[in-house]
């Protein structure tokens, strides 16, 4: 039998497709030139396109910095060397170093650099927005209470002829028996808020004038400060003067009752303490201001007396000393507006004049200033509501507005306008819901701004339906 003597190729050691077997050098022996010619690998046809299942880019040519993928700071400073080595191995030795940034700066961002703010308010707004986002997520579970509705128009307007446009006078006060006292020229008029009846209490004559009025806490007697420096006490039920007390050298522009003592402040820079139970005109004198005294208020417990003057000082006195226990000099204008909080003992609010425009809050226990708010205009009066922890301020130059504030946040509840001149006078009704404001435009305006103590319900808007205008004399 004849045998085939031609050499047979050795079987490949790997299980590969026939098309690839020719291109692999599986035989370690050196192949002959003829063998190499026969084993030329087959190339695919040019008409056919080969598709791969993945694409591996070259990192050196990839512009990863455009996507800010490298701008991530290390979570801690301890593994900084390791991070540098890892970055060099992955991105190459020429990769840029990451800039420190907050964890969320690369989120949804294609290398967008925010320009620096052009005004200081832009930066504040951006910061506030970040805080708002954080706060909103925390408060999302708690529904926010809607703001209280405050009528924007007065429900009554009284004409008050000869109401003086003088910052240093105090010509309006509302008694606990619902009687409003107003000083007009050299006369004092009483207006009953119950029946709108007007009564002329007194006429000081052509050589004198009314500079201040203030009711006792019981509401039966009215103290009147005159242009000649006297202090008169009148019985409102009988329209009779029961006492006249001297002591001041010039006009008496501010009065304040405690439960037993009447304090009077004058342009002569002194504060006199009067006790109507004794025959003398005054029992003590406080001398601490260097200019006219224009603000006086007793604390609700009768322990402290706060006084403000045209010397920009706010002084706090007690009954045991002839010298002030506190001398607060942070205001830069006259201090007429003074109010003690009925909700927190030792909390005092004060307001400054045109050059100051600030409402400041003080802890009279240690003399520290708790807060200061720039209102933008002259502060003429302050009054704290007894029903809610809010206060109202009236203003002069240059906006002549009335503002209601929440304490302690000092967020604005509302701003009321209507007076055409400085709102120099302010008084509150006995129930704490209504205020009356007076201005040099010779009008008195009544505003319902506070809720009642019991219901805390929104004040009914009666401005459009019961609006009336009448004369106080």
Protein backbone atom coordinates (compact mmCIF):
# COMPACT_ATOMS: atom_id res chain seq x y z
CA UNK A 1 0.00 0.00 0.00
CA UNK A 2 1.32 3.22 -0.98
CA UNK A 3 1.73 5.75 1.76
CA UNK A 4 1.46 9.47 1.49
CA UNK A 5 4.84 10.89 2.35
CA UNK A 6 3.82 14.59 2.26
CA UNK A 7 4.14 16.26 5.66
CA UNK A 8 0.89 16.98 7.54
CA UNK A 9 0.51 20.22 9.48
CA UNK A 10 0.49 19.84 13.23
CA UNK A 11 -2.85 20.40 14.87
CA UNK A 12 -3.08 23.73 16.66
CA UNK A 13 -2.83 23.66 20.39
CA UNK A 14 -5.62 26.25 20.85
CA UNK A 15 -9.18 25.99 19.73
CA UNK A 16 -9.41 29.03 17.48
CA UNK A 17 -11.42 29.74 14.31
CA UNK A 18 -9.80 28.59 11.08
CA UNK A 19 -9.63 32.16 9.81
CA UNK A 20 -7.46 33.16 12.75
CA UNK A 21 -5.39 30.02 12.91
CA UNK A 22 -3.22 31.10 10.03
CA UNK A 23 -2.34 34.36 11.70
CA UNK A 24 -1.17 32.83 14.96
CA UNK A 25 2.34 31.42 15.33
CA UNK A 26 1.35 28.26 17.13
CA UNK A 27 4.31 26.22 15.96
CA UNK A 28 7.48 27.15 17.80
CA UNK A 29 9.57 25.75 14.95
CA UNK A 30 10.82 28.15 12.35
CA UNK A 31 8.61 27.91 9.29
CA UNK A 32 9.94 27.72 5.80
CA UNK A 33 9.45 30.58 3.35
CA UNK A 34 6.91 28.51 1.44
CA UNK A 35 4.98 27.86 4.65
CA UNK A 36 4.93 31.58 5.46
CA UNK A 37 3.51 32.32 2.02
CA UNK A 38 0.73 29.82 2.52
CA UNK A 39 -0.13 31.08 6.01
CA UNK A 40 -0.74 34.72 5.10
CA UNK A 41 -3.72 35.90 7.20
CA UNK A 42 -6.90 36.63 5.35
CA UNK A 43 -8.10 40.23 5.34
CA UNK A 44 -11.79 41.12 5.36
CA UNK A 45 -13.39 42.49 2.29
CA UNK A 46 -13.32 46.30 1.94
CA UNK A 47 -17.09 46.29 1.43
CA UNK A 48 -17.67 44.90 4.91
CA UNK A 49 -17.60 47.13 8.06
CA UNK A 50 -16.51 45.74 11.40
CA UNK A 51 -18.30 47.10 14.50
CA UNK A 52 -16.85 46.75 18.00
CA UNK A 53 -18.88 46.31 21.19
CA UNK A 54 -17.06 49.09 23.10
CA UNK A 55 -15.03 52.25 22.64
CA UNK A 56 -12.02 52.94 24.82
CA UNK A 57 -10.89 56.55 24.43
CA UNK A 58 -7.48 57.92 25.04
CA UNK A 59 -7.57 59.86 28.30
CA UNK A 60 -4.77 62.17 27.26
CA UNK A 61 -6.89 63.48 24.37
CA UNK A 62 -10.14 63.63 26.35
CA UNK A 63 -11.04 67.09 27.63
CA UNK A 64 -12.33 65.93 30.98
CA UNK A 65 -11.58 69.30 32.58
CA UNK A 66 -14.43 70.82 30.56
CA UNK A 67 -16.86 68.73 32.56
CA UNK A 68 -15.29 69.59 35.90
CA UNK A 69 -14.87 65.91 36.65
CA UNK A 70 -11.47 66.52 38.17
CA UNK A 71 -12.60 69.32 40.52
CA UNK A 72 -13.37 67.17 43.49
CA UNK A 73 -11.62 67.68 46.76
CA UNK A 74 -10.51 64.79 48.88
CA UNK A 75 -12.93 64.01 51.67
CA UNK A 76 -10.14 64.29 54.19
CA UNK A 77 -6.64 65.68 54.24
CA UNK A 78 -4.98 62.45 55.47
CA UNK A 79 -5.00 60.62 52.09
CA UNK A 80 -3.70 63.50 49.96
CA UNK A 81 -0.50 61.62 48.83
CA UNK A 82 -2.53 58.56 47.92
CA UNK A 83 -4.96 60.70 45.92
CA UNK A 84 -2.10 62.30 43.97
CA UNK A 85 -0.61 58.91 43.10
CA UNK A 86 -4.01 57.52 42.11
CA UNK A 87 -4.73 60.55 39.94
CA UNK A 88 -1.35 60.24 38.21
CA UNK A 89 -1.93 56.55 37.47
CA UNK A 90 -5.44 57.08 36.10
CA UNK A 91 -5.22 60.46 34.35
CA UNK A 92 -1.52 60.70 33.73
CA UNK A 93 1.23 62.77 35.37
CA UNK A 94 0.09 65.97 33.62
CA UNK A 95 -3.46 65.98 35.01
CA UNK A 96 -4.49 69.25 36.68
CA UNK A 97 -4.77 69.38 40.45
CA UNK A 98 -8.33 69.64 41.77
CA UNK A 99 -9.49 72.93 43.24
CA UNK A 100 -11.20 72.74 46.64
CA UNK A 101 -14.94 73.08 46.29
CA UNK A 102 -18.11 72.28 48.14
CA UNK A 103 -19.51 68.74 47.61
CA UNK A 104 -22.34 69.92 45.35
CA UNK A 105 -20.58 72.46 43.09
CA UNK A 106 -20.20 70.00 40.21
CA UNK A 107 -23.83 68.95 40.17
CA UNK A 108 -25.54 69.72 36.83
CA UNK A 109 -22.70 72.02 35.83
CA UNK A 110 -20.75 72.22 32.58
CA UNK A 111 -17.82 74.30 33.80
CA UNK A 112 -19.94 77.38 34.42
CA UNK A 113 -18.11 79.91 36.57
CA UNK A 114 -20.47 82.32 38.29
CA UNK A 115 -19.31 85.93 37.93
CA UNK A 116 -18.67 87.92 41.05
CA UNK A 117 -21.64 90.05 42.12
CA UNK A 118 -21.62 93.64 40.95
CA UNK A 119 -23.35 94.95 44.08
CA UNK A 120 -23.10 93.95 47.74
CA UNK A 121 -26.79 93.03 47.71
CA UNK A 122 -26.25 90.28 45.12
CA UNK A 123 -23.91 88.34 47.39
CA UNK A 124 -26.33 88.71 50.26
CA UNK A 125 -29.18 87.47 48.10
CA UNK A 126 -27.19 84.42 47.00
CA UNK A 127 -26.30 83.57 50.58
CA UNK A 128 -29.86 84.09 51.67
CA UNK A 129 -31.05 81.76 48.91
CA UNK A 130 -28.80 78.96 50.19
CA UNK A 131 -30.13 79.44 53.71
CA UNK A 132 -33.68 79.54 52.41
CA UNK A 133 -33.23 76.22 50.65
CA UNK A 134 -31.92 74.63 53.83
CA UNK A 135 -34.62 76.20 55.96
CA UNK A 136 -37.40 75.26 53.54
CA UNK A 137 -36.44 71.60 53.66
CA UNK A 138 -36.53 71.67 57.45
CA UNK A 139 -39.83 73.52 57.56
CA UNK A 140 -41.55 71.62 54.76
CA UNK A 141 -43.27 69.35 57.24
CA UNK A 142 -44.65 72.28 59.26
CA UNK A 143 -47.21 74.48 57.49
CA UNK A 144 -46.40 78.18 57.72
CA UNK A 145 -48.96 80.35 59.46
CA UNK A 146 -50.48 82.91 57.08
CA UNK A 147 -49.73 86.55 57.89
CA UNK A 148 -52.34 88.51 59.79
CA UNK A 149 -54.47 90.79 57.66
CA UNK A 150 -54.26 94.42 58.76
CA UNK A 151 -56.55 97.05 57.25
CA UNK A 152 -54.62 99.61 55.25
CA UNK A 153 -57.06 102.47 55.78
CA UNK A 154 -58.14 104.21 59.02
CA UNK A 155 -61.69 103.49 60.11
CA UNK A 156 -62.13 107.04 61.41
CA UNK A 157 -60.52 110.42 60.86
CA UNK A 158 -60.96 113.46 63.12
CA UNK A 159 -60.05 116.98 62.15
CA UNK A 160 -57.81 118.50 64.82
CA UNK A 161 -57.26 122.21 64.07
CA UNK A 162 -54.19 123.79 65.67
CA UNK A 163 -52.55 120.42 66.41
CA UNK A 164 -48.93 121.53 66.58
CA UNK A 165 -46.18 120.14 64.38
CA UNK A 166 -43.58 120.01 67.19
CA UNK A 167 -41.45 116.91 67.71
CA UNK A 168 -40.87 117.62 71.42
CA UNK A 169 -44.54 117.81 72.48
CA UNK A 170 -46.91 115.02 73.56
CA UNK A 171 -50.46 116.17 72.85
CA UNK A 172 -52.54 112.95 72.55
CA UNK A 173 -53.39 110.29 75.15
CA UNK A 174 -56.10 107.59 75.47
CA UNK A 175 -57.43 106.71 78.93
CA UNK A 176 -58.39 103.34 80.37
CA UNK A 177 -61.99 104.65 80.43
CA UNK A 178 -61.98 105.03 76.63
CA UNK A 179 -61.58 108.81 76.62
CA UNK A 180 -59.19 110.53 74.23
CA UNK A 181 -57.49 113.76 75.38
CA UNK A 182 -56.06 116.13 72.76
CA UNK A 183 -54.22 119.41 73.25
CA UNK A 184 -55.10 121.97 70.57
CA UNK A 185 -53.44 125.34 70.95
CA UNK A 186 -54.22 126.57 74.48
CA UNK A 187 -57.20 124.20 74.99
CA UNK A 188 -57.67 120.55 75.91
CA UNK A 189 -60.56 118.58 74.37
CA UNK A 190 -61.93 115.20 75.41
CA UNK A 191 -63.39 112.84 72.79
CA UNK A 192 -65.38 109.81 73.97
CA UNK A 193 -64.65 106.76 71.85
CA UNK A 194 -67.91 105.22 73.09
CA UNK A 195 -70.34 107.87 71.85
CA UNK A 196 -68.08 110.29 69.88
CA UNK A 197 -69.03 113.13 72.22
CA UNK A 198 -66.58 116.05 72.36
CA UNK A 199 -66.03 118.02 75.60
CA UNK A 200 -63.86 121.06 76.11
CA UNK A 201 -61.96 120.40 79.34
CA UNK A 202 -60.01 123.65 79.78
CA UNK A 203 -58.67 126.83 78.23
CA UNK A 204 -55.27 128.02 79.48
CA UNK A 205 -55.68 131.53 78.12
CA UNK A 206 -53.86 133.47 75.41
CA UNK A 207 -50.51 133.63 77.22
CA UNK A 208 -50.14 129.89 77.77
CA UNK A 209 -50.30 126.75 75.66
CA UNK A 210 -50.77 122.99 76.08
CA UNK A 211 -47.49 121.06 75.68
CA UNK A 212 -48.35 117.62 77.11
CA UNK A 213 -51.34 115.55 78.29
CA UNK A 214 -51.28 112.25 80.17
CA UNK A 215 -53.97 110.20 81.94
CA UNK A 216 -53.62 108.41 85.26
CA UNK A 217 -53.77 104.63 84.98
CA UNK A 218 -57.31 104.63 86.39
CA UNK A 219 -58.37 107.13 83.75
CA UNK A 220 -60.11 109.63 86.05
CA UNK A 221 -57.54 112.43 86.19
CA UNK A 222 -55.62 114.14 83.44
CA UNK A 223 -52.22 115.81 83.88
CA UNK A 224 -51.46 118.78 81.62
CA UNK A 225 -48.02 120.26 80.98
CA UNK A 226 -48.07 123.93 80.02
CA UNK A 227 -45.86 126.29 78.07
CA UNK A 228 -45.12 128.28 81.24
CA UNK A 229 -43.65 125.22 82.97
CA UNK A 230 -46.59 124.31 85.24
CA UNK A 231 -48.19 120.90 85.72
CA UNK A 232 -51.95 120.87 86.23
CA UNK A 233 -54.20 118.03 87.42
CA UNK A 234 -57.78 117.98 86.15
CA UNK A 235 -60.80 115.89 87.14
CA UNK A 236 -62.28 114.86 83.79
CA UNK A 237 -65.71 113.93 85.16
CA UNK A 238 -66.28 117.41 86.65
CA UNK A 239 -64.06 119.38 84.22
CA UNK A 240 -62.39 120.94 87.24
CA UNK A 241 -58.76 121.66 88.03
CA UNK A 242 -57.74 120.17 91.36
CA UNK A 243 -54.02 120.98 91.46
CA UNK A 244 -51.43 123.30 89.92
CA UNK A 245 -47.74 122.52 90.52
CA UNK A 246 -44.75 124.60 89.50
CA UNK A 247 -41.04 123.89 89.53
CA UNK A 248 -39.98 124.05 85.88
CA UNK A 249 -38.44 127.17 84.40
CA UNK A 250 -39.85 126.70 80.91
CA UNK A 251 -42.27 124.48 78.98
CA UNK A 252 -43.20 121.03 80.26
CA UNK A 253 -43.31 118.85 77.14
CA UNK A 254 -43.61 115.31 78.52
CA UNK A 255 -45.43 113.59 81.43
CA UNK A 256 -45.48 110.04 82.82
CA UNK A 257 -47.61 108.52 85.61
CA UNK A 258 -46.64 105.61 87.78
CA UNK A 259 -49.19 104.24 90.23
CA UNK A 260 -48.53 107.12 92.68
CA UNK A 261 -45.95 109.49 91.18
CA UNK A 262 -46.22 111.91 88.28
CA UNK A 263 -42.95 112.65 86.46
CA UNK A 264 -42.55 115.72 84.27
CA UNK A 265 -39.78 116.58 81.80
CA UNK A 266 -38.99 120.07 80.61
CA UNK A 267 -36.88 122.15 78.31
CA UNK A 268 -34.95 123.19 81.43
CA UNK A 269 -33.27 119.70 81.25
CA UNK A 270 -34.77 118.54 84.58
CA UNK A 271 -37.20 115.78 85.56
CA UNK A 272 -39.44 116.54 88.54
CA UNK A 273 -41.25 113.93 90.63
CA UNK A 274 -44.69 115.07 91.85
CA UNK A 275 -46.82 113.44 94.54
CA UNK A 276 -50.30 114.98 94.64
CA UNK A 277 -50.80 113.61 98.18
CA UNK A 278 -48.28 116.11 99.58
CA UNK A 279 -48.60 119.92 99.45
CA UNK A 280 -45.18 120.64 97.90
CA UNK A 281 -44.90 121.11 94.16
CA UNK A 282 -42.42 118.24 93.74
CA UNK A 283 -40.66 115.74 95.98
CA UNK A 284 -37.43 115.17 94.02
CA UNK A 285 -35.52 116.35 90.97
CA UNK A 286 -33.52 114.27 88.49
CA UNK A 287 -30.78 116.14 86.66
CA UNK A 288 -28.89 114.13 84.09
CA UNK A 289 -29.76 115.43 80.63
CA UNK A 290 -27.84 118.20 78.92
CA UNK A 291 -30.74 119.31 76.75
CA UNK A 292 -34.56 119.23 76.66
CA UNK A 293 -36.27 116.14 78.06
CA UNK A 294 -38.73 114.87 75.43
CA UNK A 295 -39.40 111.22 76.39
CA UNK A 296 -40.56 109.70 79.70
CA UNK A 297 -41.95 106.25 80.50
CA UNK A 298 -42.37 104.30 83.75
CA UNK A 299 -41.89 100.54 83.66
CA UNK A 300 -44.98 98.44 84.29
CA UNK A 301 -43.80 97.45 87.77
CA UNK A 302 -43.02 101.11 88.69
CA UNK A 303 -39.42 100.28 89.50
CA UNK A 304 -37.66 102.14 86.69
CA UNK A 305 -38.17 105.39 84.83
CA UNK A 306 -36.71 105.80 81.33
CA UNK A 307 -36.04 109.29 79.99
CA UNK A 308 -34.94 110.48 76.57
CA UNK A 309 -33.56 113.86 75.65
CA UNK A 310 -32.47 116.11 72.85
CA UNK A 311 -28.89 115.33 73.94
CA UNK A 312 -29.27 111.90 72.25
CA UNK A 313 -29.16 110.13 75.63
CA UNK A 314 -31.42 107.46 77.07
CA UNK A 315 -31.27 107.38 80.87
CA UNK A 316 -32.78 104.86 83.30
CA UNK A 317 -33.60 105.92 86.88
CA UNK A 318 -34.96 104.26 90.00
CA UNK A 319 -36.59 105.62 93.13
CA UNK A 320 -33.58 105.05 95.36
CA UNK A 321 -31.05 107.23 93.55
CA UNK A 322 -30.82 110.80 92.30
CA UNK A 323 -28.41 109.65 89.57
CA UNK A 324 -29.26 107.47 86.58
CA UNK A 325 -28.50 103.78 87.00
CA UNK A 326 -27.98 103.46 83.23
CA UNK A 327 -26.71 106.00 80.75
CA UNK A 328 -27.18 104.72 77.19
CA UNK A 329 -25.54 106.89 74.53
CA UNK A 330 -25.71 104.82 71.33
CA UNK A 331 -28.39 106.98 69.68
CA UNK A 332 -27.18 109.77 67.40
CA UNK A 333 -30.31 111.96 67.53
CA UNK A 334 -32.99 113.04 70.00
CA UNK A 335 -34.70 110.19 71.87
CA UNK A 336 -38.43 110.83 72.18
CA UNK A 337 -39.85 107.34 71.43
CA UNK A 338 -39.66 105.07 74.51
CA UNK A 339 -41.65 101.90 75.31
CA UNK A 340 -41.37 99.19 77.99
CA UNK A 341 -42.32 95.66 77.00
CA UNK A 342 -45.40 94.29 78.83
CA UNK A 343 -44.24 90.74 78.01
CA UNK A 344 -40.68 90.73 79.36
CA UNK A 345 -39.39 92.51 82.43
CA UNK A 346 -36.44 94.82 81.86
CA UNK A 347 -36.92 95.01 78.07
CA UNK A 348 -36.89 98.61 76.82
CA UNK A 349 -37.29 99.95 73.28
CA UNK A 350 -36.17 103.40 72.16
CA UNK A 351 -36.20 105.30 68.88
CA UNK A 352 -33.95 108.07 67.56
CA UNK A 353 -34.66 111.17 65.51
CA UNK A 354 -33.81 112.15 61.96
CA UNK A 355 -30.05 111.63 62.18
CA UNK A 356 -30.47 108.24 63.89
CA UNK A 357 -33.66 106.56 62.54
CA UNK A 358 -33.04 103.41 64.59
CA UNK A 359 -35.14 101.40 67.03
CA UNK A 360 -32.89 99.93 69.70
CA UNK A 361 -33.71 97.29 72.32
CA UNK A 362 -32.09 97.22 75.74
CA UNK A 363 -31.78 94.86 78.66
CA UNK A 364 -31.97 97.25 81.59
CA UNK A 365 -30.78 94.57 84.01
CA UNK A 366 -27.24 94.63 82.59
CA UNK A 367 -27.40 97.61 80.21
CA UNK A 368 -26.71 95.57 77.08
CA UNK A 369 -28.15 96.56 73.71
CA UNK A 370 -30.02 93.55 72.31
CA UNK A 371 -30.78 94.75 68.79
CA UNK A 372 -30.84 97.80 66.54
CA UNK A 373 -33.04 98.23 63.46
CA UNK A 374 -32.66 101.07 60.96
CA UNK A 375 -36.19 102.15 60.00
CA UNK A 376 -35.13 104.61 57.32
CA UNK A 377 -36.87 107.66 58.85
CA UNK A 378 -37.25 109.67 62.04
CA UNK A 379 -38.77 107.61 64.89
CA UNK A 380 -41.41 109.72 66.67
CA UNK A 381 -43.26 107.20 68.87
CA UNK A 382 -43.18 103.59 70.04
CA UNK A 383 -45.92 101.53 71.68
CA UNK A 384 -45.96 97.87 72.63
CA UNK A 385 -49.14 95.83 72.19
CA UNK A 386 -50.31 94.03 75.32
CA UNK A 387 -52.27 91.41 73.32
CA UNK A 388 -49.43 90.08 71.15
CA UNK A 389 -45.66 90.47 71.21
CA UNK A 390 -45.63 93.23 68.60
CA UNK A 391 -44.95 96.94 68.64
CA UNK A 392 -45.93 99.91 66.51
CA UNK A 393 -43.74 102.84 65.53
CA UNK A 394 -44.67 106.16 63.95
CA UNK A 395 -42.29 108.12 61.79
CA UNK A 396 -41.51 111.55 60.46
CA UNK A 397 -38.97 112.68 57.90
CA UNK A 398 -39.03 111.52 55.30
CA UNK A 399 -41.77 108.92 54.85
CA UNK A 400 -44.39 109.80 57.54
CA UNK A 401 -45.37 106.14 57.88
CA UNK A 402 -46.73 103.85 60.62
CA UNK A 403 -45.06 100.46 60.98
CA UNK A 404 -46.03 97.32 62.91
CA UNK A 405 -43.24 94.92 63.91
CA UNK A 406 -43.06 91.41 65.30
CA UNK A 407 -40.70 90.94 68.22
CA UNK A 408 -38.03 89.60 68.52
CA UNK A 409 -37.63 88.90 64.78
CA UNK A 410 -38.47 92.56 63.93
CA UNK A 411 -40.15 91.42 60.74
CA UNK A 412 -42.64 93.93 59.38
CA UNK A 413 -46.29 93.06 59.79
CA UNK A 414 -47.52 96.05 57.81
CA UNK A 415 -46.75 99.63 56.83
CA UNK A 416 -49.54 102.22 56.93
CA UNK A 417 -49.56 105.58 55.19
CA UNK A 418 -51.99 108.44 54.96
CA UNK A 419 -50.58 111.33 56.98
CA UNK A 420 -49.01 114.06 54.92
CA UNK A 421 -46.73 115.36 57.70
CA UNK A 422 -44.76 113.81 60.54
CA UNK A 423 -46.73 111.33 62.65
CA UNK A 424 -45.78 112.95 65.96
CA UNK A 425 -48.48 111.57 68.27
CA UNK A 426 -49.57 108.05 69.14
CA UNK A 427 -51.94 106.50 71.68
CA UNK A 428 -53.48 103.04 72.11
CA UNK A 429 -57.03 102.05 73.00
CA UNK A 430 -57.76 100.31 76.32
CA UNK A 431 -58.43 96.96 74.61
CA UNK A 432 -55.08 97.13 72.78
CA UNK A 433 -56.58 96.70 69.31
CA UNK A 434 -56.77 100.26 67.97
CA UNK A 435 -54.25 103.06 67.79
CA UNK A 436 -54.79 106.74 67.11
CA UNK A 437 -52.13 108.78 65.36
CA UNK A 438 -51.83 112.55 65.08
CA UNK A 439 -49.74 114.67 62.77
CA UNK A 440 -48.97 118.20 61.79
CA UNK A 441 -51.53 117.81 59.00
CA UNK A 442 -54.10 118.49 61.79
CA UNK A 443 -55.79 115.09 61.59
CA UNK A 444 -56.26 112.20 64.01
CA UNK A 445 -56.52 108.79 62.37
CA UNK A 446 -57.79 105.60 64.02
CA UNK A 447 -56.34 102.27 62.83
CA UNK A 448 -57.38 98.72 63.76
CA UNK A 449 -54.05 96.89 63.70
CA UNK A 450 -53.86 94.42 66.59
CA UNK A 451 -55.97 91.33 67.42
CA UNK A 452 -57.86 90.96 70.65
CA UNK A 453 -56.24 89.23 73.61
CA UNK A 454 -58.76 86.37 73.77
CA UNK A 455 -59.38 85.26 70.20
CA UNK A 456 -56.14 86.31 68.41
CA UNK A 457 -58.38 86.55 65.33
CA UNK A 458 -57.61 88.83 62.39
CA UNK A 459 -58.86 92.35 62.75
CA UNK A 460 -61.99 93.01 60.72
CA UNK A 461 -61.40 95.41 57.86
CA UNK A 462 -63.95 98.13 58.49
CA UNK A 463 -62.07 100.91 56.78
CA UNK A 464 -64.21 101.01 53.64
CA UNK A 465 -67.60 100.64 55.31
CA UNK A 466 -67.49 102.73 58.47
CA UNK A 467 -65.03 105.39 57.37
CA UNK A 468 -66.09 108.73 58.79
CA UNK A 469 -64.57 112.12 59.29
CA UNK A 470 -65.63 114.58 61.96
CA UNK A 471 -64.25 117.45 64.03
CA UNK A 472 -62.85 117.18 67.52
CA UNK A 473 -63.94 120.69 68.32
